[in-house]
Amino acid sequence: MAQFTGTTQYYRWFGGLVLTDGAQFLARNGAGWLMDVLASVQSLPAVRAEERQFWTLSVDLEQHSGVVVCTDGGKSGQPERELYRQEIEYTDFPLTEIKLFAFSEAGLGRVVLLPSEY
């Protein structure tokens, strides 16, 4: 995933999300459900209020299960604050972990990107 640096195009996703090239690659290659998770909780007050969201999918490859966590990334030296957590009972996602950022951008909406695209 590190081959994605910056983006050449933005892609609209439901729920007001906008995906970069790397996020779109994930969505088109079996992780559309992960983008759906992000989109589905944007209306929760704690998530919606956060301009910069830090998302992590952690996967137990042996159990084929995982957890999706959103934090505020920590601010001004403060510990990260968890905004949302969802247990995933089954996933065939092939990596043990993937991180995504979701930042509010004026005129675009909530942009989802890989850390290497920041």
Protein backbone atom coordinates (compact mmCIF):
# COMPACT_ATOMS: atom_id res chain seq x y z
CA MET A 1 0.00 0.00 0.00
CA ALA A 2 3.02 2.27 0.40
CA GLN A 3 3.09 2.80 -3.37
CA PHE A 4 0.25 5.29 -2.94
CA THR A 5 1.65 8.76 -2.33
CA GLY A 6 -0.63 11.70 -2.82
CA THR A 7 -3.62 11.23 -5.10
CA THR A 8 -4.41 12.05 -8.70
CA GLN A 9 -8.18 11.84 -8.34
CA TYR A 10 -11.00 11.77 -5.80
CA TYR A 11 -13.83 9.24 -5.81
CA ARG A 12 -17.24 9.78 -4.25
CA TRP A 13 -18.45 7.15 -1.80
CA PHE A 14 -21.80 7.00 -0.10
CA GLY A 15 -22.35 8.88 3.15
CA GLY A 16 -20.42 11.92 1.99
CA LEU A 17 -17.03 10.25 1.94
CA VAL A 18 -14.46 11.06 -0.71
CA LEU A 19 -11.75 8.46 -1.37
CA THR A 20 -8.21 9.01 -2.61
CA ASP A 21 -6.51 6.66 -5.06
CA GLY A 22 -5.27 4.40 -2.25
CA ALA A 23 -8.59 4.28 -0.40
CA GLN A 24 -10.38 3.59 -3.70
CA PHE A 25 -7.93 0.76 -4.42
CA LEU A 26 -8.82 -0.81 -1.07
CA ALA A 27 -12.55 -0.38 -1.72
CA ARG A 28 -12.34 -1.98 -5.17
CA ASN A 29 -10.22 -4.87 -3.93
CA GLY A 30 -12.37 -6.34 -1.21
CA ALA A 31 -12.46 -3.64 1.48
CA GLY A 32 -15.52 -1.72 0.33
CA TRP A 33 -17.15 -2.92 3.54
CA LEU A 34 -14.50 -1.02 5.52
CA MET A 35 -15.38 2.22 3.74
CA ASP A 36 -19.03 1.43 4.48
CA VAL A 37 -18.18 1.18 8.19
CA LEU A 38 -16.52 4.60 8.08
CA ALA A 39 -19.45 6.11 6.19
CA SER A 40 -22.10 4.53 8.39
CA VAL A 41 -20.86 6.12 11.63
CA GLN A 42 -20.15 9.65 10.40
CA SER A 43 -23.48 10.77 11.87
CA LEU A 44 -22.52 9.72 15.41
CA PRO A 45 -21.90 12.93 17.39
CA ALA A 46 -18.39 12.03 18.62
CA VAL A 47 -17.26 10.96 15.15
CA ARG A 48 -18.94 13.78 13.24
CA ALA A 49 -17.43 16.43 15.52
CA GLU A 50 -13.87 15.28 14.89
CA GLU A 51 -12.23 17.00 11.92
CA ARG A 52 -9.34 14.52 11.87
CA GLN A 53 -10.20 10.86 12.36
CA PHE A 54 -7.61 8.09 12.67
CA TRP A 55 -8.96 4.65 11.75
CA THR A 56 -7.32 1.26 12.32
CA LEU A 57 -8.50 -2.15 11.22
CA SER A 58 -6.70 -4.88 13.19
CA VAL A 59 -7.19 -8.45 11.97
CA ASP A 60 -6.58 -11.82 13.61
CA LEU A 61 -5.66 -13.79 10.49
CA GLU A 62 -6.12 -17.16 12.19
CA GLN A 63 -9.58 -16.39 13.58
CA HIS A 64 -10.65 -14.33 10.53
CA SER A 65 -11.97 -11.65 12.86
CA GLY A 66 -11.05 -8.07 13.54
CA VAL A 67 -11.80 -4.78 15.13
CA VAL A 68 -12.23 -1.32 13.60
CA VAL A 69 -11.30 1.58 15.87
CA CYS A 70 -11.52 5.33 15.28
CA THR A 71 -9.60 7.78 17.46
CA ASP A 72 -8.92 11.49 17.46
CA GLY A 73 -5.19 10.79 17.07
CA GLY A 74 -4.32 12.59 20.29
CA LYS A 75 -4.20 16.35 20.48
CA SER A 76 -1.62 18.69 22.00
CA GLY A 77 0.24 15.86 23.67
CA GLN A 78 -2.93 14.27 25.06
CA PRO A 79 -3.56 10.52 24.81
CA GLU A 80 -5.68 9.35 21.90
CA ARG A 81 -9.40 9.37 22.59
CA GLU A 82 -11.41 6.49 21.16
CA LEU A 83 -14.42 7.72 19.21
CA TYR A 84 -15.78 4.45 17.85
CA ARG A 85 -15.12 0.70 17.99
CA GLN A 86 -16.70 -2.14 16.05
CA GLU A 87 -15.93 -5.83 16.37
CA ILE A 88 -15.84 -7.66 13.03
CA GLU A 89 -16.93 -11.28 13.48
CA TYR A 90 -15.61 -12.42 10.11
CA THR A 91 -13.25 -10.92 7.58
CA ASP A 92 -11.00 -12.30 4.89
CA PHE A 93 -8.95 -9.09 4.83
CA PRO A 94 -5.39 -10.31 4.12
CA LEU A 95 -3.36 -7.89 6.29
CA THR A 96 -3.02 -7.86 10.07
CA GLU A 97 -3.51 -4.10 10.13
CA ILE A 98 -4.43 -1.19 7.92
CA LYS A 99 -4.62 2.46 8.93
CA LEU A 100 -6.69 5.17 7.31
CA PHE A 101 -7.12 8.87 7.92
CA ALA A 102 -10.41 10.68 7.37
CA PHE A 103 -10.06 14.46 7.30
CA SER A 104 -12.68 17.13 6.71
CA GLU A 105 -11.70 19.24 3.71
CA ALA A 106 -13.63 22.38 2.82
CA GLY A 107 -15.38 22.00 -0.51
CA LEU A 108 -14.74 18.24 -0.69
CA GLY A 109 -16.22 16.64 2.41
CA ARG A 110 -14.68 13.86 4.49
CA VAL A 111 -11.60 12.63 2.58
CA VAL A 112 -10.39 9.09 3.36
CA LEU A 113 -6.72 8.43 2.64
CA LEU A 114 -3.87 6.09 3.44
CA PRO A 115 -1.12 7.43 5.72
CA SER A 116 1.32 7.32 2.77
CA GLU A 117 -0.97 9.69 0.86
CA TYR A 118 -0.88 12.39 3.54
